[in-house]
Every structure is written in C-alpha cells, then in structure tokens.
Protein backbone atom coordinates (compact mmCIF):
# COMPACT_ATOMS: atom_id res chain seq x y z
CA UNK A 1 -113.09 -7.77 -35.92
CA UNK A 2 -115.14 -9.66 -33.63
CA UNK A 3 -115.82 -6.41 -31.32
CA UNK A 4 -117.00 -4.87 -34.57
CA UNK A 5 -119.17 -7.82 -35.95
CA UNK A 6 -120.84 -9.11 -32.57
CA UNK A 7 -121.18 -6.21 -30.29
CA UNK A 8 -123.58 -4.08 -32.51
CA UNK A 9 -125.72 -7.25 -32.23
CA UNK A 10 -126.08 -6.58 -28.54
CA UNK A 11 -129.76 -5.34 -28.80
CA UNK A 12 -130.83 -8.54 -30.57
CA UNK A 13 -128.90 -10.94 -28.77
CA UNK A 14 -127.94 -9.70 -25.11
CA UNK A 15 -125.22 -12.23 -24.82
CA UNK A 16 -123.01 -10.11 -27.23
CA UNK A 17 -122.85 -7.35 -24.75
CA UNK A 18 -119.77 -9.12 -23.12
CA UNK A 19 -117.71 -7.99 -26.07
CA UNK A 20 -117.85 -4.37 -24.61
CA UNK A 21 -115.68 -5.52 -21.69
CA UNK A 22 -111.96 -5.32 -22.22
CA UNK A 23 -111.44 -8.01 -19.49
CA UNK A 24 -113.58 -10.57 -21.68
CA UNK A 25 -111.85 -9.77 -24.58
CA UNK A 26 -108.35 -9.73 -23.20
CA UNK A 27 -108.88 -13.06 -21.66
CA UNK A 28 -110.12 -14.78 -24.96
CA UNK A 29 -107.20 -13.01 -26.99
CA UNK A 30 -104.87 -14.72 -24.81
CA UNK A 31 -106.49 -18.13 -25.04
CA UNK A 32 -106.75 -17.78 -28.74
CA UNK A 33 -102.95 -16.79 -28.97
CA UNK A 34 -102.35 -20.19 -26.84
CA UNK A 35 -104.52 -22.09 -29.07
CA UNK A 36 -102.48 -20.82 -32.26
CA UNK A 37 -99.41 -21.83 -30.79
CA UNK A 38 -100.51 -25.35 -29.70
CA UNK A 39 -102.10 -26.00 -33.12
CA UNK A 40 -99.60 -24.48 -35.50
CA UNK A 41 -96.29 -24.95 -33.52
CA UNK A 42 -95.99 -28.65 -34.33
CA UNK A 43 -96.31 -28.09 -37.78
CA UNK A 44 -93.96 -25.02 -37.83
CA UNK A 45 -91.44 -27.10 -36.29
CA UNK A 46 -91.81 -30.01 -38.77
CA UNK A 47 -91.74 -27.56 -41.63
CA UNK A 48 -88.69 -25.78 -40.48
CA UNK A 49 -86.76 -29.04 -40.08
CA UNK A 50 -87.86 -30.36 -43.65
CA UNK A 51 -86.66 -26.93 -45.11
CA UNK A 52 -83.34 -27.54 -42.87
CA UNK A 53 -83.61 -23.80 -41.49
CA UNK A 54 -81.78 -24.54 -38.37
CA UNK A 55 -79.75 -22.36 -35.65
CA UNK A 56 -76.13 -21.86 -36.40
CA UNK A 57 -74.16 -21.66 -33.11
CA UNK A 58 -71.30 -19.32 -32.84
CA UNK A 59 -68.21 -20.77 -31.65
CA UNK A 60 -67.44 -18.27 -28.66
CA UNK A 61 -70.65 -19.33 -26.77
CA UNK A 62 -70.31 -21.86 -23.99
CA UNK A 63 -69.30 -25.54 -25.50
CA UNK A 64 -72.72 -27.00 -24.10
CA UNK A 65 -74.65 -24.95 -26.80
CA UNK A 66 -72.87 -26.61 -29.58
CA UNK A 67 -75.40 -29.47 -29.36
CA UNK A 68 -78.02 -27.08 -30.23
CA UNK A 69 -76.69 -26.80 -33.71
CA UNK A 70 -79.53 -27.15 -36.22
CA UNK A 71 -82.40 -26.62 -33.85
CA UNK A 72 -85.10 -25.08 -36.06
CA UNK A 73 -85.17 -21.38 -35.74
CA UNK A 74 -87.29 -18.25 -37.09
CA UNK A 75 -90.18 -19.41 -34.64
CA UNK A 76 -90.89 -15.78 -34.07
CA UNK A 77 -93.07 -16.15 -36.94
CA UNK A 78 -95.35 -18.39 -34.70
CA UNK A 79 -95.09 -15.75 -32.12
CA UNK A 80 -96.29 -12.87 -34.42
CA UNK A 81 -98.92 -14.80 -35.89
CA UNK A 82 -100.30 -15.56 -32.35
CA UNK A 83 -99.77 -12.01 -31.36
CA UNK A 84 -101.43 -10.27 -34.42
CA UNK A 85 -104.58 -12.91 -35.30
CA UNK A 86 -105.90 -12.94 -31.63
CA UNK A 87 -105.53 -8.73 -31.66
CA UNK A 88 -107.14 -8.33 -34.65
CA UNK A 89 -110.27 -10.69 -33.55
CA UNK A 90 -110.83 -9.12 -30.25
CA UNK A 91 -109.67 -5.86 -30.21
CA UNK A 92 -111.26 -2.64 -31.27
CA UNK A 93 -109.41 -1.99 -34.38
CA UNK A 94 -110.21 1.51 -34.77
CA UNK A 95 -108.54 2.27 -31.62
CA UNK A 96 -105.14 4.06 -32.49
CA UNK A 97 -103.39 2.49 -29.75
CA UNK A 98 -104.19 -0.88 -31.30
CA UNK A 99 -103.11 0.25 -34.93
CA UNK A 100 -99.78 1.36 -33.70
CA UNK A 101 -99.18 -1.84 -31.67
CA UNK A 102 -100.10 -3.97 -34.80
CA UNK A 103 -97.58 -1.79 -37.21
CA UNK A 104 -94.82 -1.83 -34.45
CA UNK A 105 -95.16 -5.94 -34.36
CA UNK A 106 -94.99 -6.20 -38.08
CA UNK A 107 -92.13 -3.69 -38.76
CA UNK A 108 -89.69 -4.94 -36.08
CA UNK A 109 -90.84 -8.60 -36.67
CA UNK A 110 -89.88 -7.82 -40.52
CA UNK A 111 -86.48 -6.54 -39.61
CA UNK A 112 -85.89 -9.83 -37.49
CA UNK A 113 -87.20 -11.98 -40.27
CA UNK A 114 -84.72 -10.61 -43.11
CA UNK A 115 -81.71 -10.88 -40.55
CA UNK A 116 -82.86 -14.75 -39.86
CA UNK A 117 -83.41 -15.26 -43.57
CA UNK A 118 -79.99 -13.91 -44.77
CA UNK A 119 -78.27 -16.03 -41.75
CA UNK A 120 -80.00 -19.13 -41.70
CA UNK A 121 -81.48 -19.49 -45.46
CA UNK A 122 -79.10 -17.59 -47.58
CA UNK A 123 -76.11 -18.62 -45.31
CA UNK A 124 -74.67 -15.08 -45.13
CA UNK A 125 -72.11 -15.18 -42.16
CA UNK A 126 -73.84 -12.30 -40.02
CA UNK A 127 -77.46 -12.03 -41.73
CA UNK A 128 -78.74 -8.40 -41.92
CA UNK A 129 -75.62 -6.04 -41.36
CA UNK A 130 -75.67 -4.56 -37.91
CA UNK A 131 -76.02 -1.15 -38.99
CA UNK A 132 -79.04 -1.82 -41.50
CA UNK A 133 -80.81 -3.60 -38.57
CA UNK A 134 -80.22 -0.47 -36.25
CA UNK A 135 -81.42 1.65 -39.21
CA UNK A 136 -84.51 0.11 -39.31
CA UNK A 137 -85.13 0.01 -35.70
CA UNK A 138 -84.24 3.94 -35.75
CA UNK A 139 -86.91 4.52 -38.74
CA UNK A 140 -89.51 3.10 -36.63
CA UNK A 141 -88.78 4.59 -33.37
CA UNK A 142 -88.28 8.27 -35.38
CA UNK A 143 -91.71 7.54 -37.08
CA UNK A 144 -93.27 6.98 -33.72
CA UNK A 145 -91.80 9.88 -31.93
CA UNK A 146 -92.86 12.33 -34.87
CA UNK A 147 -96.07 10.57 -34.79
CA UNK A 148 -97.09 10.88 -31.31
CA UNK A 149 -95.53 14.46 -30.95
CA UNK A 150 -97.55 15.68 -34.11
CA UNK A 151 -100.93 13.65 -33.38
CA UNK A 152 -100.87 13.21 -29.57
CA UNK A 153 -103.10 10.24 -28.18
CA UNK A 154 -103.48 12.33 -24.88
CA UNK A 155 -104.90 15.70 -24.30
CA UNK A 156 -102.16 16.54 -21.86
CA UNK A 157 -98.73 15.36 -21.22
CA UNK A 158 -98.19 14.20 -24.60
CA UNK A 159 -94.41 14.37 -24.38
CA UNK A 160 -94.25 13.57 -20.78
CA UNK A 161 -93.10 10.64 -18.92
CA UNK A 162 -94.27 9.20 -15.55
CA UNK A 163 -91.62 9.10 -12.75
CA UNK A 164 -92.45 5.84 -10.85
CA UNK A 165 -92.86 6.21 -7.15
CA UNK A 166 -93.76 10.00 -7.24
CA UNK A 167 -97.33 11.08 -7.22
CA UNK A 168 -98.24 13.46 -9.89
CA UNK A 169 -94.66 13.87 -11.24
CA UNK A 170 -93.55 13.76 -14.74
CA UNK A 171 -90.51 14.64 -16.75
CA UNK A 172 -91.39 17.05 -19.75
CA UNK A 173 -88.97 16.15 -22.83
CA UNK A 174 -90.36 18.63 -25.17
CA UNK A 175 -88.44 18.53 -28.38
CA UNK A 176 -86.19 15.76 -26.90
CA UNK A 177 -89.49 13.47 -26.77
CA UNK A 178 -88.71 12.11 -30.32
CA UNK A 179 -85.12 11.17 -29.86
CA UNK A 180 -86.15 9.82 -26.46
CA UNK A 181 -88.82 7.55 -28.05
CA UNK A 182 -85.92 6.33 -30.43
CA UNK A 183 -83.79 5.36 -27.70
CA UNK A 184 -86.23 3.29 -26.10
CA UNK A 185 -87.40 1.44 -28.82
CA UNK A 186 -84.01 0.62 -30.07
CA UNK A 187 -83.13 0.19 -26.64
CA UNK A 188 -85.67 -2.39 -25.58
CA UNK A 189 -85.64 -4.10 -29.16
CA UNK A 190 -82.11 -5.00 -28.56
CA UNK A 191 -81.97 -5.74 -24.95
CA UNK A 192 -84.57 -8.68 -25.79
CA UNK A 193 -82.57 -9.64 -28.71
CA UNK A 194 -79.43 -10.08 -26.17
CA UNK A 195 -81.58 -11.73 -23.65
CA UNK A 196 -82.68 -14.54 -26.35
CA UNK A 197 -79.50 -17.01 -25.58
CA UNK A 198 -81.07 -19.64 -23.43
CA UNK A 199 -83.99 -21.95 -24.00
CA UNK A 200 -87.21 -20.19 -22.92
CA UNK A 201 -85.42 -17.11 -21.23
CA UNK A 202 -86.47 -14.19 -23.73
CA UNK A 203 -90.12 -15.85 -23.94
CA UNK A 204 -90.67 -16.05 -20.31
CA UNK A 205 -89.47 -12.98 -19.20
CA UNK A 206 -91.56 -11.37 -21.78
CA UNK A 207 -94.73 -12.93 -20.46
CA UNK A 208 -94.21 -11.59 -17.36
CA UNK A 209 -93.10 -7.92 -18.76
CA UNK A 210 -96.39 -7.61 -20.75
CA UNK A 211 -98.51 -8.96 -18.01
CA UNK A 212 -97.47 -6.10 -16.02
CA UNK A 213 -98.15 -3.67 -18.99
CA UNK A 214 -101.41 -5.27 -19.57
CA UNK A 215 -102.40 -4.47 -15.83
CA UNK A 216 -101.26 -0.89 -16.60
CA UNK A 217 -102.95 -0.35 -19.59
CA UNK A 218 -106.39 -1.54 -18.04
CA UNK A 219 -106.04 0.56 -14.93
CA UNK A 220 -104.92 3.86 -16.79
CA UNK A 221 -107.75 3.05 -19.47
CA UNK A 222 -110.25 2.76 -16.81
CA UNK A 223 -111.56 6.47 -15.33
CA UNK A 224 -112.40 5.06 -11.85
CA UNK A 225 -109.42 2.94 -10.97
CA UNK A 226 -107.38 5.80 -12.50
CA UNK A 227 -108.82 8.38 -10.14
CA UNK A 228 -108.38 6.22 -7.41
CA UNK A 229 -104.73 5.27 -7.82
CA UNK A 230 -104.16 8.90 -8.87
CA UNK A 231 -102.58 8.01 -12.22
CA UNK A 232 -103.33 9.88 -15.48
CA UNK A 233 -106.22 8.89 -17.08
CA UNK A 234 -105.90 7.61 -20.95
CA UNK A 235 -109.05 7.03 -22.75
CA UNK A 236 -108.50 4.36 -25.25
CA UNK A 237 -105.55 2.90 -23.68
CA UNK A 238 -107.37 0.24 -22.28
CA UNK A 239 -107.53 -1.63 -25.57
CA UNK A 240 -103.81 -2.63 -25.35
CA UNK A 241 -104.73 -5.05 -22.26
CA UNK A 242 -105.97 -7.20 -25.44
CA UNK A 243 -102.45 -6.60 -27.23
CA UNK A 244 -100.57 -7.44 -24.34
CA UNK A 245 -102.20 -10.54 -23.11
CA UNK A 246 -102.29 -11.75 -26.76
CA UNK A 247 -98.40 -11.49 -26.38
CA UNK A 248 -98.53 -13.19 -23.24
CA UNK A 249 -100.33 -16.09 -24.66
CA UNK A 250 -98.10 -16.06 -27.58
CA UNK A 251 -94.91 -16.03 -25.33
CA UNK A 252 -96.32 -18.82 -23.34
CA UNK A 253 -97.71 -20.93 -25.90
CA UNK A 254 -94.02 -20.56 -27.75
CA UNK A 255 -92.44 -21.32 -24.31
CA UNK A 256 -94.36 -24.88 -24.52
CA UNK A 257 -91.85 -25.76 -27.36
CA UNK A 258 -89.10 -23.49 -26.67
CA UNK A 259 -88.38 -24.79 -22.85
CA UNK A 260 -85.25 -26.53 -22.24
CA UNK A 261 -84.42 -28.60 -24.49
CA UNK A 262 -85.96 -26.36 -27.00
CA UNK A 263 -87.61 -27.70 -30.28
CA UNK A 264 -87.59 -24.33 -31.80
CA UNK A 265 -85.99 -20.98 -31.24
CA UNK A 266 -87.58 -17.80 -31.99
CA UNK A 267 -84.60 -16.06 -33.62
CA UNK A 268 -84.25 -12.37 -34.22
CA UNK A 269 -88.03 -12.45 -36.04
CA UNK A 270 -89.22 -13.20 -32.45
CA UNK A 271 -86.77 -11.22 -30.16
CA UNK A 272 -86.65 -8.00 -32.23
CA UNK A 273 -90.61 -7.98 -32.64
CA UNK A 274 -90.84 -8.54 -28.49
CA UNK A 275 -88.52 -5.95 -27.71
CA UNK A 276 -89.75 -3.63 -30.20
CA UNK A 277 -93.37 -4.09 -28.91
CA UNK A 278 -92.40 -3.72 -24.97
CA UNK A 279 -90.46 -0.50 -25.91
CA UNK A 280 -93.58 0.91 -27.91
CA UNK A 281 -96.03 -0.29 -25.27
CA UNK A 282 -94.12 1.59 -22.50
CA UNK A 283 -94.05 4.70 -24.69
CA UNK A 284 -97.78 4.49 -25.33
CA UNK A 285 -98.38 4.29 -21.72
CA UNK A 286 -95.95 6.78 -20.55
CA UNK A 287 -94.32 4.15 -18.47
CA UNK A 288 -90.95 4.66 -20.37
CA UNK A 289 -89.14 4.89 -16.98
CA UNK A 290 -90.98 2.25 -15.55
CA UNK A 291 -89.89 0.12 -18.24
CA UNK A 292 -86.52 0.00 -16.49
CA UNK A 293 -88.16 -2.08 -13.66
CA UNK A 294 -90.87 -4.01 -15.80
CA UNK A 295 -88.13 -5.13 -18.05
CA UNK A 296 -85.24 -5.13 -15.42
CA UNK A 297 -84.14 -8.67 -16.89
CA UNK A 298 -83.51 -7.57 -20.25
CA UNK A 299 -81.85 -4.04 -18.80
CA UNK A 300 -79.54 -6.26 -16.98
CA UNK A 301 -78.55 -8.29 -20.14
CA UNK A 302 -77.79 -5.42 -22.10
CA UNK A 303 -75.75 -3.51 -19.34
CA UNK A 304 -73.74 -6.66 -18.86
CA UNK A 305 -72.72 -6.25 -22.56
CA UNK A 306 -72.42 -2.36 -22.39
CA UNK A 307 -69.91 -2.88 -19.23
CA UNK A 308 -68.03 -5.76 -20.75
CA UNK A 309 -67.41 -4.06 -24.05
CA UNK A 310 -66.72 -0.88 -22.02
CA UNK A 311 -64.15 -2.39 -19.43
CA UNK A 312 -62.55 -4.38 -22.06
CA UNK A 313 -61.76 -1.38 -24.55
CA UNK A 314 -60.75 1.08 -21.58
CA UNK A 315 -58.66 -1.44 -19.40
CA UNK A 316 -58.22 -4.75 -21.44
CA UNK A 317 -59.72 -6.55 -18.45
CA UNK A 318 -63.29 -8.29 -18.50
CA UNK A 319 -66.04 -7.63 -15.84
CA UNK A 320 -67.80 -11.02 -16.58
CA UNK A 321 -66.63 -14.34 -17.68
CA UNK A 322 -68.99 -14.02 -20.58
CA UNK A 323 -71.34 -11.45 -21.60
CA UNK A 324 -74.60 -11.36 -21.73
CA UNK A 325 -74.53 -12.19 -18.16
CA UNK A 326 -76.38 -15.55 -18.36
CA UNK A 327 -73.59 -16.86 -20.32
CA UNK A 328 -71.37 -15.59 -17.24
CA UNK A 329 -73.55 -17.60 -14.90
CA UNK A 330 -73.12 -20.71 -17.18
CA UNK A 331 -69.36 -20.68 -17.34
CA UNK A 332 -69.69 -20.29 -13.28
CA UNK A 333 -71.30 -23.87 -13.62
CA UNK A 334 -75.02 -23.15 -13.30
CA UNK A 335 -77.31 -25.22 -15.56
CA UNK A 336 -79.03 -23.76 -18.13
CA UNK A 337 -82.49 -24.62 -16.69
CA UNK A 338 -81.55 -23.21 -13.26
CA UNK A 339 -80.45 -19.83 -14.88
CA UNK A 340 -83.41 -19.69 -16.68
CA UNK A 341 -86.09 -20.34 -13.82
CA UNK A 342 -84.28 -17.93 -11.54
CA UNK A 343 -84.40 -15.05 -14.31
CA UNK A 344 -87.97 -15.97 -14.55
CA UNK A 345 -88.48 -15.49 -10.58
CA UNK A 346 -86.67 -12.02 -10.80
CA UNK A 347 -88.97 -11.14 -13.72
CA UNK A 348 -91.98 -11.98 -11.88
CA UNK A 349 -90.89 -10.15 -8.53
CA UNK A 350 -90.17 -7.13 -10.84
CA UNK A 351 -93.65 -7.22 -12.65
CA UNK A 352 -95.20 -7.27 -9.29
CA UNK A 353 -93.04 -4.42 -8.03
CA UNK A 354 -93.90 -2.33 -11.04
CA UNK A 355 -97.44 -2.71 -10.51
CA UNK A 356 -97.19 -1.96 -6.73
CA UNK A 357 -95.59 1.54 -7.65
CA UNK A 358 -99.12 2.56 -8.15
CA UNK A 359 -99.78 2.37 -4.62
CA UNK A 360 -96.16 3.41 -3.46
CA UNK A 361 -96.41 6.72 -4.78
C-alpha cells in the first residue's frame, strides 16, 4: 500500500525513492510486525483472560504441563495480524507472489481459528474434527497446485523442484506436481502444529526458517545475485522477502509473550497458519526439497510421531518415551527451557546450512 502511495511521488520527493528497494521495505515490515505485537499483545492477553479463553491441557502430556491450564490461547490471531498488516503496508500488492502468500495466511489461519474456537470457546472435546481440518488443508493445497500448474509464475520449470547441493539440477513432476504441492502444504502445516508443544518452540523455530526463506527469496529475485550463484532467476519473487520478514517479526514479537513461562499460546490459529505459509513459500520459490533442511525441526517432530505410531501398531512397542519428540526429552529429565533453546540452536544451524547450499552446489 505504501509502495503504491509513496513510490510514485519519488519525482517530487526524492526520499521516496527508497521504496523501490526490497531491503528497505522488508526491514520496516519486520519492525512494523514487532511493533504490532508489542502494542497489541498485552491488550489481547487481557481480553482473552477476560473472556476465559484458556488452553485446555490434555491428560496424556507430561505432568509439568498441567500448571499451564487456563493460559490464554488463540494468540495466533496476533501472529496473523502482525504478518498481514505489514505485508499490506510495505509489499507491492500487485505482485502475484504476495497475493498468494496473503491468501494462504488467512485461509490456514481460518482453519486453525475454527478448531480453537470449537475446542476452547464452544468446549467441544476435540475442536474441529480432524478430517475437516485435513480437508481444509487439502483444498488449499489442491487450489494452489492447480493455480501454479495452469498459471505458472515462472517462465521455465513451472512444475520443477530444485535439488539442494546439485547445480542446475531439478526434479520435473509433470502431472504429479499438484499432488506434490498438496503433500508439501499439508505436511508443513501439520508439522508446525505438532511442534507447538513447548513455550516458544514453534515461534522461535519459525523465525529462523522464515529468515532463511527471506534470504533465498531476495537472492532468487535479484538477477545479478541469481546469475552469480547459478540459481534460477525468478522475477518478482523478491517481494516474498517482505512477507517472510513480516513473519519473522511477528514470530519474534509473539515470542516476547510466548517464551517460558508463556503468557499466551498461539493455538492452532497460529501453528497452522505458520505451517501453511512455510510450505507455500517453499513451493513458490521451488525450494520444496530444501524445506526438509530449513524446517528440519518440524520434520523431526512430525517423523517422531509417524515412527511412534507405526512402531506401536506394528510391534506394540514405542520408540520414544512420548511423541512428538520434545516430550520424549521432557520425560528424559530435560527442563523445558533447555529443550527449546537447543532446538532453536539446531534451527539456526539448519537455516545457515540451507543458505550455504547456494555455494556448495
């Protein structure tokens, strides 16, 4: 919005020329997201407490979590607002990458909001029925896959995925591209949802992941850098830097209140929207396979659940003390804060590793 309003005035006021630079707008989008969280976070917490919208703790989680009963939840509303508003203010809204990114944030956020609302406000036992939640994710994934297949945002390689560490090599999916996109969206969305089990874990890990994607978006959308690094040049995708750093700011701003002991939880409203956004950005940048590295924490959390369930059904034995894997370490005696910080460190290392793949190929 500000790009449209102020950049055209550059001929009259030269200072407005800074709005042409993605780096400038991305930095201020991140700052705006932080300020939204700092200003409206306390109000939202007070409001949720007044309305008695508190977290219901499941009996099967570690006993130490029972004291969190009643902590305000549905804080994902703050994350969504602190992502969408800065993006609307600082990004070029005519850019199709930005349009898709805003839609996914609102769509997956709505699915999570319905789940939280039914579970916390309406007091239904399991919230939104699992199959309906998956259906909502499936519908968006299918819509995105069909859209990108019918109206590709790139001239070449519309249905390809770049392979990390290999120069000028990609996988051509063809007609399998649509189900592949569905898999990525559903997988990332649910993986982040499973990770959201400790104070600050999902929000902190998301900040590192989206920072890595911000760097990749900027480099892929900059012709000179793309040619130097021998990566596909994708005109227009640089605007995703604004969106990704908005999410980084929103995640860090939310973390201010979500760090241990948490004053508020993001709920499915936040975790599903963050996960859906993560998968969508990976798809738009053709970095779906690199997502396994960038989002390694989320992948490990999801795999731990899959392995635990599969092992128990096949052999009657459990691999971990409890899944997702962060609960396993809790039952091993690790303090919650130690688990979260160590997972953050791993997330930071994975983010750096993912960016380094640009020079290791």
